[in-house]
Amino acid sequence: MTKRIPENTWAMELHRFTSRNAVRVTKLEVDSPDFGAQSQETGYPLRGITYDAHDDRVLITLGEQASAERHLTHTIPQATAIFLLVDVRGRDEALAIRQNNTNTLLRFIDL
């Protein structure tokens, strides 16, 4: 099932998403008309996802909680839509973030 998250609740819903899924192992993919679909990382645990309303950007932080060395931060400026994908059991499968013609997909690979 796919659920579009209303823009006025992005900060709150991304906080809830992080609370439910922190440390789950991820795969981050970006699909853009400029360069096609590309994997940005595979195997990093989720640290957190936030929405910064002041700068109008979504921040995805991945990596080991105890290590500052192995991490990745991905920034999506001026997102236009955020979708939550859940499986039949109601467990989060992925988060899709749209920015004009570019789509960022954060999937969990520990299903």
PDB file of N, CA and C in Angstrom:
ATOM      1  N   MET A   1       0.843  -1.172   0.000  1.00  0.00           N
ATOM      2  CA  MET A   1       0.000   0.000   0.000  1.00  0.00           C
ATOM      3  C   MET A   1       0.894   1.242   0.000  1.00  0.00           C
ATOM      4  N   THR A   2       0.490   2.246  -0.728  1.00  0.00           N
ATOM      5  CA  THR A   2       1.217   3.506  -0.799  1.00  0.00           C
ATOM      6  C   THR A   2       0.352   4.608  -0.228  1.00  0.00           C
ATOM      7  N   LYS A   3       0.948   5.409   0.639  1.00  0.00           N
ATOM      8  CA  LYS A   3       0.239   6.513   1.285  1.00  0.00           C
ATOM      9  C   LYS A   3       1.019   7.803   1.060  1.00  0.00           C
ATOM     10  N   ARG A   4       0.368   8.798   0.486  1.00  0.00           N
ATOM     11  CA  ARG A   4       1.011  10.107   0.329  1.00  0.00           C
ATOM     12  C   ARG A   4       0.923  10.844   1.658  1.00  0.00           C
ATOM     13  N   ILE A   5       2.053  11.372   2.110  1.00  0.00           N
ATOM     14  CA  ILE A   5       2.099  12.102   3.374  1.00  0.00           C
ATOM     15  C   ILE A   5       1.803  13.572   3.091  1.00  0.00           C
ATOM     16  N   PRO A   6       0.797  14.140   3.745  1.00  0.00           N
ATOM     17  CA  PRO A   6       0.486  15.560   3.529  1.00  0.00           C
ATOM     18  C   PRO A   6       1.677  16.449   3.910  1.00  0.00           C
ATOM     19  N   GLU A   7       1.936  17.454   3.100  1.00  0.00           N
ATOM     20  CA  GLU A   7       3.109  18.304   3.302  1.00  0.00           C
ATOM     21  C   GLU A   7       3.138  18.959   4.679  1.00  0.00           C
ATOM     22  N   ASN A   8       1.994  19.343   5.203  1.00  0.00           N
ATOM     23  CA  ASN A   8       1.970  20.012   6.507  1.00  0.00           C
ATOM     24  C   ASN A   8       2.302  19.061   7.667  1.00  0.00           C
ATOM     25  N   THR A   9       2.465  17.772   7.384  1.00  0.00           N
ATOM     26  CA  THR A   9       2.831  16.804   8.436  1.00  0.00           C
ATOM     27  C   THR A   9       4.189  16.143   8.179  1.00  0.00           C
ATOM     28  N   TRP A  10       4.933  16.615   7.193  1.00  0.00           N
ATOM     29  CA  TRP A  10       6.197  15.974   6.846  1.00  0.00           C
ATOM     30  C   TRP A  10       7.135  15.834   8.041  1.00  0.00           C
ATOM     31  N   ALA A  11       7.376  16.901   8.784  1.00  0.00           N
ATOM     32  CA  ALA A  11       8.326  16.839   9.902  1.00  0.00           C
ATOM     33  C   ALA A  11       7.893  15.793  10.923  1.00  0.00           C
ATOM     34  N   MET A  12       6.635  15.823  11.294  1.00  0.00           N
ATOM     35  CA  MET A  12       6.119  14.894  12.294  1.00  0.00           C
ATOM     36  C   MET A  12       6.146  13.451  11.781  1.00  0.00           C
ATOM     37  N   GLU A  13       5.696  13.219  10.551  1.00  0.00           N
ATOM     38  CA  GLU A  13       5.648  11.862  10.006  1.00  0.00           C
ATOM     39  C   GLU A  13       7.044  11.284   9.773  1.00  0.00           C
ATOM     40  N   LEU A  14       7.996  12.123   9.373  1.00  0.00           N
ATOM     41  CA  LEU A  14       9.361  11.628   9.195  1.00  0.00           C
ATOM     42  C   LEU A  14      10.001  11.294  10.541  1.00  0.00           C
ATOM     43  N   HIS A  15       9.664  12.042  11.566  1.00  0.00           N
ATOM     44  CA  HIS A  15      10.126  11.717  12.920  1.00  0.00           C
ATOM     45  C   HIS A  15       9.553  10.356  13.354  1.00  0.00           C
ATOM     46  N   ARG A  16       8.283  10.131  13.119  1.00  0.00           N
ATOM     47  CA  ARG A  16       7.662   8.844  13.449  1.00  0.00           C
ATOM     48  C   ARG A  16       8.273   7.701  12.650  1.00  0.00           C
ATOM     49  N   PHE A  17       8.510   7.954  11.369  1.00  0.00           N
ATOM     50  CA  PHE A  17       9.128   6.964  10.499  1.00  0.00           C
ATOM     51  C   PHE A  17      10.500   6.576  11.040  1.00  0.00           C
ATOM     52  N   THR A  18      11.287   7.578  11.438  1.00  0.00           N
ATOM     53  CA  THR A  18      12.608   7.319  12.020  1.00  0.00           C
ATOM     54  C   THR A  18      12.483   6.509  13.299  1.00  0.00           C
ATOM     55  N   SER A  19      11.544   6.868  14.155  1.00  0.00           N
ATOM     56  CA  SER A  19      11.365   6.138  15.421  1.00  0.00           C
ATOM     57  C   SER A  19      11.040   4.664  15.185  1.00  0.00           C
ATOM     58  N   ARG A  20      10.231   4.399  14.170  1.00  0.00           N
ATOM     59  CA  ARG A  20       9.844   3.013  13.870  1.00  0.00           C
ATOM     60  C   ARG A  20      10.965   2.219  13.208  1.00  0.00           C
ATOM     61  N   ASN A  21      11.842   2.899  12.479  1.00  0.00           N
ATOM     62  CA  ASN A  21      12.757   2.184  11.592  1.00  0.00           C
ATOM     63  C   ASN A  21      14.245   2.419  11.828  1.00  0.00           C
ATOM     64  N   ALA A  22      14.599   3.187  12.844  1.00  0.00           N
ATOM     65  CA  ALA A  22      16.022   3.437  13.104  1.00  0.00           C
ATOM     66  C   ALA A  22      16.768   2.120  13.227  1.00  0.00           C
ATOM     67  N   VAL A  23      17.920   2.060  12.647  1.00  0.00           N
ATOM     68  CA  VAL A  23      18.872   0.945  12.576  1.00  0.00           C
ATOM     69  C   VAL A  23      18.494  -0.159  11.574  1.00  0.00           C
ATOM     70  N   ARG A  24      17.360  -0.041  10.927  1.00  0.00           N
ATOM     71  CA  ARG A  24      17.062  -1.014   9.863  1.00  0.00           C
ATOM     72  C   ARG A  24      17.998  -0.770   8.683  1.00  0.00           C
ATOM     73  N   VAL A  25      18.384  -1.830   8.014  1.00  0.00           N
ATOM     74  CA  VAL A  25      19.341  -1.763   6.914  1.00  0.00           C
ATOM     75  C   VAL A  25      18.629  -1.290   5.636  1.00  0.00           C
ATOM     76  N   THR A  26      19.303  -0.395   4.910  1.00  0.00           N
ATOM     77  CA  THR A  26      18.669   0.301   3.796  1.00  0.00           C
ATOM     78  C   THR A  26      19.398   0.129   2.466  1.00  0.00           C
ATOM     79  N   LYS A  27      18.687   0.565   1.437  1.00  0.00           N
ATOM     80  CA  LYS A  27      19.258   0.769   0.103  1.00  0.00           C
ATOM     81  C   LYS A  27      18.680   2.092  -0.389  1.00  0.00           C
ATOM     82  N   LEU A  28      19.541   3.020  -0.797  1.00  0.00           N
ATOM     83  CA  LEU A  28      19.122   4.332  -1.265  1.00  0.00           C
ATOM     84  C   LEU A  28      19.361   4.428  -2.762  1.00  0.00           C
ATOM     85  N   GLU A  29      18.296   4.760  -3.501  1.00  0.00           N
ATOM     86  CA  GLU A  29      18.372   4.872  -4.955  1.00  0.00           C
ATOM     87  C   GLU A  29      17.827   6.222  -5.391  1.00  0.00           C
ATOM     88  N   VAL A  30      18.447   6.788  -6.411  1.00  0.00           N
ATOM     89  CA  VAL A  30      17.976   8.051  -6.986  1.00  0.00           C
ATOM     90  C   VAL A  30      17.754   7.821  -8.471  1.00  0.00           C
ATOM     91  N   ASP A  31      16.593   8.236  -8.957  1.00  0.00           N
ATOM     92  CA  ASP A  31      16.238   8.095 -10.364  1.00  0.00           C
ATOM     93  C   ASP A  31      15.972   9.484 -10.925  1.00  0.00           C
ATOM     94  N   SER A  32      16.811   9.896 -11.863  1.00  0.00           N
ATOM     95  CA  SER A  32      16.720  11.232 -12.436  1.00  0.00           C
ATOM     96  C   SER A  32      16.783  11.149 -13.958  1.00  0.00           C
ATOM     97  N   PRO A  33      16.039  12.008 -14.664  1.00  0.00           N
ATOM     98  CA  PRO A  33      16.147  12.019 -16.126  1.00  0.00           C
ATOM     99  C   PRO A  33      17.552  12.377 -16.603  1.00  0.00           C
ATOM    100  N   ASP A  34      18.309  13.083 -15.762  1.00  0.00           N
ATOM    101  CA  ASP A  34      19.662  13.498 -16.144  1.00  0.00           C
ATOM    102  C   ASP A  34      20.657  12.344 -16.174  1.00  0.00           C
ATOM    103  N   PHE A  35      20.534  11.381 -15.226  1.00  0.00           N
ATOM    104  CA  PHE A  35      21.520  10.305 -15.160  1.00  0.00           C
ATOM    105  C   PHE A  35      20.909   8.922 -14.976  1.00  0.00           C
ATOM    106  N   GLY A  36      19.590   8.796 -15.003  1.00  0.00           N
ATOM    107  CA  GLY A  36      18.943   7.497 -14.851  1.00  0.00           C
ATOM    108  C   GLY A  36      18.898   7.046 -13.410  1.00  0.00           C
ATOM    109  N   ALA A  37      18.584   5.787 -13.195  1.00  0.00           N
ATOM    110  CA  ALA A  37      18.496   5.227 -11.843  1.00  0.00           C
ATOM    111  C   ALA A  37      19.877   4.792 -11.384  1.00  0.00           C
ATOM    112  N   GLN A  38      20.245   5.232 -10.184  1.00  0.00           N
ATOM    113  CA  GLN A  38      21.539   4.867  -9.625  1.00  0.00           C
ATOM    114  C   GLN A  38      21.397   4.568  -8.144  1.00  0.00           C
ATOM    115  N   SER A  39      22.098   3.533  -7.714  1.00  0.00           N
ATOM    116  CA  SER A  39      22.154   3.199  -6.300  1.00  0.00           C
ATOM    117  C   SER A  39      23.176   4.116  -5.634  1.00  0.00           C
ATOM    118  N   GLN A  40      22.782   4.726  -4.534  1.00  0.00           N
ATOM    119  CA  GLN A  40      23.680   5.604  -3.791  1.00  0.00           C
ATOM    120  C   GLN A  40      24.395   4.838  -2.686  1.00  0.00           C
ATOM    121  N   GLU A  41      23.719   3.842  -2.114  1.00  0.00           N
ATOM    122  CA  GLU A  41      24.311   3.006  -1.074  1.00  0.00           C
ATOM    123  C   GLU A  41      23.460   1.773  -0.875  1.00  0.00           C
ATOM    124  N   THR A  42      24.074   0.755  -0.312  1.00  0.00           N
ATOM    125  CA  THR A  42      23.384  -0.458   0.105  1.00  0.00           C
ATOM    126  C   THR A  42      24.032  -0.950   1.390  1.00  0.00           C
ATOM    127  N   GLY A  43      23.215  -1.234   2.388  1.00  0.00           N
ATOM    128  CA  GLY A  43      23.725  -1.845   3.598  1.00  0.00           C
ATOM    129  C   GLY A  43      23.928  -0.931   4.787  1.00  0.00           C
ATOM    130  N   TYR A  44      23.629   0.345   4.633  1.00  0.00           N
ATOM    131  CA  TYR A  44      23.775   1.263   5.765  1.00  0.00           C
ATOM    132  C   TYR A  44      22.493   1.263   6.594  1.00  0.00           C
ATOM    133  N   PRO A  45      22.607   1.271   7.917  1.00  0.00           N
ATOM    134  CA  PRO A  45      21.403   1.381   8.749  1.00  0.00           C
ATOM    135  C   PRO A  45      20.865   2.816   8.756  1.00  0.00           C
ATOM    136  N   LEU A  46      19.570   2.928   8.926  1.00  0.00           N
ATOM    137  CA  LEU A  46      18.933   4.242   9.008  1.00  0.00           C
ATOM    138  C   LEU A  46      19.281   4.909  10.328  1.00  0.00           C
ATOM    139  N   ARG A  47      19.770   6.121  10.259  1.00  0.00           N
ATOM    140  CA  ARG A  47      19.986   6.947  11.451  1.00  0.00           C
ATOM    141  C   ARG A  47      18.802   7.878  11.656  1.00  0.00           C
ATOM    142  N   GLY A  48      18.355   8.516  10.569  1.00  0.00           N
ATOM    143  CA  GLY A  48      17.223   9.411  10.714  1.00  0.00           C
ATOM    144  C   GLY A  48      16.872  10.120   9.426  1.00  0.00           C
ATOM    145  N   ILE A  49      15.616  10.564   9.367  1.00  0.00           N
ATOM    146  CA  ILE A  49      15.124  11.373   8.248  1.00  0.00           C
ATOM    147  C   ILE A  49      14.393  12.552   8.861  1.00  0.00           C
ATOM    148  N   THR A  50      14.721  13.741   8.383  1.00  0.00           N
ATOM    149  CA  THR A  50      14.074  14.949   8.894  1.00  0.00           C
ATOM    150  C   THR A  50      13.667  15.847   7.742  1.00  0.00           C
ATOM    151  N   TYR A  51      12.714  16.720   8.038  1.00  0.00           N
ATOM    152  CA  TYR A  51      12.334  17.754   7.087  1.00  0.00           C
ATOM    153  C   TYR A  51      12.649  19.104   7.717  1.00  0.00           C
ATOM    154  N   ASP A  52      13.464  19.881   7.045  1.00  0.00           N
ATOM    155  CA  ASP A  52      13.828  21.224   7.490  1.00  0.00           C
ATOM    156  C   ASP A  52      12.950  22.212   6.724  1.00  0.00           C
ATOM    157  N   ALA A  53      11.891  22.684   7.374  1.00  0.00           N
ATOM    158  CA  ALA A  53      10.939  23.589   6.714  1.00  0.00           C
ATOM    159  C   ALA A  53      11.588  24.927   6.373  1.00  0.00           C
ATOM    160  N   HIS A  54      12.511  25.377   7.197  1.00  0.00           N
ATOM    161  CA  HIS A  54      13.167  26.664   6.953  1.00  0.00           C
ATOM    162  C   HIS A  54      13.937  26.655   5.639  1.00  0.00           C
ATOM    163  N   ASP A  55      14.703  25.577   5.402  1.00  0.00           N
ATOM    164  CA  ASP A  55      15.485  25.451   4.171  1.00  0.00           C
ATOM    165  C   ASP A  55      14.764  24.646   3.091  1.00  0.00           C
ATOM    166  N   ASP A  56      13.559  24.157   3.405  1.00  0.00           N
ATOM    167  CA  ASP A  56      12.752  23.366   2.477  1.00  0.00           C
ATOM    168  C   ASP A  56      13.552  22.209   1.886  1.00  0.00           C
ATOM    169  N   ARG A  57      13.992  21.313   2.783  1.00  0.00           N
ATOM    170  CA  ARG A  57      14.752  20.154   2.321  1.00  0.00           C
ATOM    171  C   ARG A  57      14.535  18.969   3.252  1.00  0.00           C
ATOM    172  N   VAL A  58      14.636  17.791   2.666  1.00  0.00           N
ATOM    173  CA  VAL A  58      14.573  16.538   3.412  1.00  0.00           C
ATOM    174  C   VAL A  58      16.008  16.044   3.557  1.00  0.00           C
ATOM    175  N   LEU A  59      16.365  15.632   4.759  1.00  0.00           N
ATOM    176  CA  LEU A  59      17.709  15.116   5.039  1.00  0.00           C
ATOM    177  C   LEU A  59      17.600  13.654   5.454  1.00  0.00           C
ATOM    178  N   ILE A  60      18.327  12.798   4.769  1.00  0.00           N
ATOM    179  CA  ILE A  60      18.387  11.378   5.099  1.00  0.00           C
ATOM    180  C   ILE A  60      19.789  11.100   5.616  1.00  0.00           C
ATOM    181  N   THR A  61      19.894  10.569   6.824  1.00  0.00           N
ATOM    182  CA  THR A  61      21.196  10.223   7.398  1.00  0.00           C
ATOM    183  C   THR A  61      21.234   8.726   7.648  1.00  0.00           C
ATOM    184  N   LEU A  62      22.264   8.101   7.108  1.00  0.00           N
ATOM    185  CA  LEU A  62      22.431   6.654   7.199  1.00  0.00           C
ATOM    186  C   LEU A  62      23.799   6.350   7.775  1.00  0.00           C
ATOM    187  N   GLY A  63      23.922   5.253   8.495  1.00  0.00           N
ATOM    188  CA  GLY A  63      25.212   4.811   9.005  1.00  0.00           C
ATOM    189  C   GLY A  63      25.104   4.289  10.420  1.00  0.00           C
ATOM    190  N   GLU A  64      26.207   3.757  10.890  1.00  0.00           N
ATOM    191  CA  GLU A  64      26.269   3.191  12.227  1.00  0.00           C
ATOM    192  C   GLU A  64      26.046   4.280  13.263  1.00  0.00           C
ATOM    193  N   GLN A  65      25.193   4.032  14.251  1.00  0.00           N
ATOM    194  CA  GLN A  65      24.889   5.011  15.292  1.00  0.00           C
ATOM    195  C   GLN A  65      26.125   5.400  16.089  1.00  0.00           C
ATOM    196  N   ALA A  66      27.005   4.459  16.359  1.00  0.00           N
ATOM    197  CA  ALA A  66      28.153   4.709  17.230  1.00  0.00           C
ATOM    198  C   ALA A  66      29.379   5.211  16.477  1.00  0.00           C
ATOM    199  N   SER A  67      29.305   5.308  15.158  1.00  0.00           N
ATOM    200  CA  SER A  67      30.477   5.667  14.370  1.00  0.00           C
ATOM    201  C   SER A  67      30.226   6.918  13.541  1.00  0.00           C
ATOM    202  N   ALA A  68      31.127   7.871  13.654  1.00  0.00           N
ATOM    203  CA  ALA A  68      31.041   9.069  12.827  1.00  0.00           C
ATOM    204  C   ALA A  68      31.734   8.842  11.483  1.00  0.00           C
ATOM    205  N   GLU A  69      32.490   7.768  11.370  1.00  0.00           N
ATOM    206  CA  GLU A  69      33.270   7.513  10.164  1.00  0.00           C
ATOM    207  C   GLU A  69      32.452   6.926   9.023  1.00  0.00           C
ATOM    208  N   ARG A  70      31.605   5.977   9.309  1.00  0.00           N
ATOM    209  CA  ARG A  70      30.850   5.292   8.253  1.00  0.00           C
ATOM    210  C   ARG A  70      29.424   5.815   8.244  1.00  0.00           C
ATOM    211  N   HIS A  71      29.208   6.890   7.469  1.00  0.00           N
ATOM    212  CA  HIS A  71      27.863   7.435   7.369  1.00  0.00           C
ATOM    213  C   HIS A  71      27.681   8.161   6.030  1.00  0.00           C
ATOM    214  N   LEU A  72      26.437   8.418   5.712  1.00  0.00           N
ATOM    215  CA  LEU A  72      26.079   9.110   4.477  1.00  0.00           C
ATOM    216  C   LEU A  72      24.906  10.026   4.786  1.00  0.00           C
ATOM    217  N   THR A  73      24.991  11.254   4.315  1.00  0.00           N
ATOM    218  CA  THR A  73      23.865  12.177   4.414  1.00  0.00           C
ATOM    219  C   THR A  73      23.448  12.549   3.002  1.00  0.00           C
ATOM    220  N   HIS A  74      22.182  12.374   2.726  1.00  0.00           N
ATOM    221  CA  HIS A  74      21.630  12.698   1.405  1.00  0.00           C
ATOM    222  C   HIS A  74      20.593  13.802   1.589  1.00  0.00           C
ATOM    223  N   THR A  75      20.724  14.885   0.846  1.00  0.00           N
ATOM    224  CA  THR A  75      19.832  16.032   0.956  1.00  0.00           C
ATOM    225  C   THR A  75      18.970  16.146  -0.291  1.00  0.00           C
ATOM    226  N   ILE A  76      17.683  16.362  -0.065  1.00  0.00           N
ATOM    227  CA  ILE A  76      16.740  16.536  -1.167  1.00  0.00           C
ATOM    228  C   ILE A  76      16.103  17.909  -1.010  1.00  0.00           C
ATOM    229  N   PRO A  77      16.566  18.900  -1.771  1.00  0.00           N
ATOM    230  CA  PRO A  77      15.975  20.237  -1.666  1.00  0.00           C
ATOM    231  C   PRO A  77      14.643  20.322  -2.403  1.00  0.00           C
ATOM    232  N   GLN A  78      13.765  21.114  -1.867  1.00  0.00           N
ATOM    233  CA  GLN A  78      12.473  21.417  -2.505  1.00  0.00           C
ATOM    234  C   GLN A  78      11.708  20.177  -2.951  1.00  0.00           C
ATOM    235  N   ALA A  79      11.526  19.253  -2.020  1.00  0.00           N
ATOM    236  CA  ALA A  79      10.728  18.057  -2.311  1.00  0.00           C
ATOM    237  C   ALA A  79       9.301  18.483  -2.651  1.00  0.00           C
ATOM    238  N   THR A  80       8.677  17.743  -3.552  1.00  0.00           N
ATOM    239  CA  THR A  80       7.307  18.062  -3.948  1.00  0.00           C
ATOM    240  C   THR A  80       6.294  17.058  -3.417  1.00  0.00           C
ATOM    241  N   ALA A  81       6.751  15.875  -3.014  1.00  0.00           N
ATOM    242  CA  ALA A  81       5.842  14.863  -2.462  1.00  0.00           C
ATOM    243  C   ALA A  81       6.649  13.798  -1.728  1.00  0.00           C
ATOM    244  N   ILE A  82       6.031  13.229  -0.689  1.00  0.00           N
ATOM    245  CA  ILE A  82       6.636  12.120   0.047  1.00  0.00           C
ATOM    246  C   ILE A  82       5.588  11.017   0.175  1.00  0.00           C
ATOM    247  N   PHE A  83       6.008   9.785  -0.137  1.00  0.00           N
ATOM    248  CA  PHE A  83       5.118   8.634  -0.080  1.00  0.00           C
ATOM    249  C   PHE A  83       5.692   7.568   0.838  1.00  0.00           C
ATOM    250  N   LEU A  84       4.846   6.955   1.627  1.00  0.00           N
ATOM    251  CA  LEU A  84       5.214   5.843   2.497  1.00  0.00           C
ATOM    252  C   LEU A  84       4.662   4.574   1.872  1.00  0.00           C
ATOM    253  N   LEU A  85       5.510   3.561   1.741  1.00  0.00           N
ATOM    254  CA  LEU A  85       5.091   2.278   1.204  1.00  0.00           C
ATOM    255  C   LEU A  85       5.143   1.253   2.326  1.00  0.00           C
ATOM    256  N   VAL A  86       4.034   0.561   2.555  1.00  0.00           N
ATOM    257  CA  VAL A  86       3.963  -0.438   3.617  1.00  0.00           C
ATOM    258  C   VAL A  86       3.557  -1.785   3.028  1.00  0.00           C
ATOM    259  N   ASP A  87       3.982  -2.863   3.681  1.00  0.00           N
ATOM    260  CA  ASP A  87       3.637  -4.197   3.203  1.00  0.00           C
ATOM    261  C   ASP A  87       2.262  -4.611   3.750  1.00  0.00           C
ATOM    262  N   VAL A  88       1.846  -5.814   3.431  1.00  0.00           N
ATOM    263  CA  VAL A  88       0.512  -6.287   3.820  1.00  0.00           C
ATOM    264  C   VAL A  88       0.362  -6.422   5.330  1.00  0.00           C
ATOM    265  N   ARG A  89       1.481  -6.525   6.046  1.00  0.00           N
ATOM    266  CA  ARG A  89       1.441  -6.611   7.506  1.00  0.00           C
ATOM    267  C   ARG A  89       1.443  -5.236   8.168  1.00  0.00           C
ATOM    268  N   GLY A  90       1.564  -4.179   7.345  1.00  0.00           N
ATOM    269  CA  GLY A  90       1.598  -2.827   7.881  1.00  0.00           C
ATOM    270  C   GLY A  90       2.989  -2.348   8.242  1.00  0.00           C
ATOM    271  N   ARG A  91       4.011  -3.116   7.896  1.00  0.00           N
ATOM    272  CA  ARG A  91       5.393  -2.747   8.190  1.00  0.00           C
ATOM    273  C   ARG A  91       5.936  -1.859   7.070  1.00  0.00           C
ATOM    274  N   ASP A  92       6.680  -0.813   7.445  1.00  0.00           N
ATOM    275  CA  ASP A  92       7.266   0.085   6.455  1.00  0.00           C
ATOM    276  C   ASP A  92       8.220  -0.668   5.543  1.00  0.00           C
ATOM    277  N   GLU A  93       8.033  -0.500   4.228  1.00  0.00           N
ATOM    278  CA  GLU A  93       8.915  -1.110   3.231  1.00  0.00           C
ATOM    279  C   GLU A  93       9.871  -0.098   2.638  1.00  0.00           C
ATOM    280  N   ALA A  94       9.361   1.135   2.431  1.00  0.00           N
ATOM    281  CA  ALA A  94      10.163   2.139   1.738  1.00  0.00           C
ATOM    282  C   ALA A  94       9.559   3.519   1.939  1.00  0.00           C
ATOM    283  N   LEU A  95      10.370   4.517   1.618  1.00  0.00           N
ATOM    284  CA  LEU A  95       9.939   5.904   1.607  1.00  0.00           C
ATOM    285  C   LEU A  95      10.376   6.483   0.271  1.00  0.00           C
ATOM    286  N   ALA A  96       9.449   7.060  -0.461  1.00  0.00           N
ATOM    287  CA  ALA A  96       9.754   7.659  -1.757  1.00  0.00           C
ATOM    288  C   ALA A  96       9.579   9.165  -1.656  1.00  0.00           C
ATOM    289  N   ILE A  97      10.568   9.893  -2.159  1.00  0.00           N
ATOM    290  CA  ILE A  97      10.543  11.348  -2.099  1.00  0.00           C
ATOM    291  C   ILE A  97      10.697  11.878  -3.521  1.00  0.00           C
ATOM    292  N   ARG A  98       9.752  12.689  -3.928  1.00  0.00           N
ATOM    293  CA  ARG A  98       9.756  13.249  -5.279  1.00  0.00           C
ATOM    294  C   ARG A  98      10.247  14.693  -5.218  1.00  0.00           C
ATOM    295  N   GLN A  99      11.076  15.029  -6.180  1.00  0.00           N
ATOM    296  CA  GLN A  99      11.565  16.392  -6.344  1.00  0.00           C
ATOM    297  C   GLN A  99      11.519  16.673  -7.841  1.00  0.00           C
ATOM    298  N   ASN A 100      10.452  17.360  -8.279  1.00  0.00           N
ATOM    299  CA  ASN A 100      10.228  17.591  -9.704  1.00  0.00           C
ATOM    300  C   ASN A 100      10.293  16.272 -10.459  1.00  0.00           C
ATOM    301  N   ASN A 101      11.292  16.077 -11.334  1.00  0.00           N
ATOM    302  CA  ASN A 101      11.389  14.842 -12.126  1.00  0.00           C
ATOM    303  C   ASN A 101      12.316  13.805 -11.516  1.00  0.00           C
ATOM    304  N   THR A 102      12.833  14.070 -10.330  1.00  0.00           N
ATOM    305  CA  THR A 102      13.756  13.150  -9.670  1.00  0.00           C
ATOM    306  C   THR A 102      13.047  12.435  -8.522  1.00  0.00           C
ATOM    307  N   ASN A 103      13.278  11.143  -8.407  1.00  0.00           N
ATOM    308  CA  ASN A 103      12.701  10.342  -7.332  1.00  0.00           C
ATOM    309  C   ASN A 103      13.815   9.708  -6.514  1.00  0.00           C
ATOM    310  N   THR A 104      13.695   9.829  -5.195  1.00  0.00           N
ATOM    311  CA  THR A 104      14.617   9.181  -4.275  1.00  0.00           C
ATOM    312  C   THR A 104      13.832   8.106  -3.553  1.00  0.00           C
ATOM    313  N   LEU A 105      14.386   6.898  -3.517  1.00  0.00           N
ATOM    314  CA  LEU A 105      13.723   5.777  -2.871  1.00  0.00           C
ATOM    315  C   LEU A 105      14.640   5.193  -1.811  1.00  0.00           C
ATOM    316  N   LEU A 106      14.154   5.205  -0.570  1.00  0.00           N
ATOM    317  CA  LEU A 106      14.863   4.575   0.540  1.00  0.00           C
ATOM    318  C   LEU A 106      14.110   3.302   0.864  1.00  0.00           C
ATOM    319  N   ARG A 107      14.733   2.152   0.559  1.00  0.00           N
ATOM    320  CA  ARG A 107      14.104   0.855   0.801  1.00  0.00           C
ATOM    321  C   ARG A 107      14.801   0.161   1.948  1.00  0.00           C
ATOM    322  N   PHE A 108      14.057  -0.702   2.619  1.00  0.00           N
ATOM    323  CA  PHE A 108      14.636  -1.534   3.666  1.00  0.00           C
ATOM    324  C   PHE A 108      14.941  -2.890   3.062  1.00  0.00           C
ATOM    325  N   ILE A 109      16.155  -3.364   3.286  1.00  0.00           N
ATOM    326  CA  ILE A 109      16.557  -4.648   2.705  1.00  0.00           C
ATOM    327  C   ILE A 109      16.618  -5.744   3.762  1.00  0.00           C
ATOM    328  N   ASP A 110      16.097  -5.441   4.958  1.00  0.00           N
ATOM    329  CA  ASP A 110      16.084  -6.423   6.036  1.00  0.00           C
ATOM    330  C   ASP A 110      14.706  -7.061   6.206  1.00  0.00           C
ATOM    331  N   LEU A 111      13.899  -7.018   5.164  1.00  0.00           N
ATOM    332  CA  LEU A 111      12.534  -7.533   5.265  1.00  0.00           C
ATOM    333  C   LEU A 111      12.502  -8.996   5.454  1.00  0.00           C
TER     334      LEU A 111
END
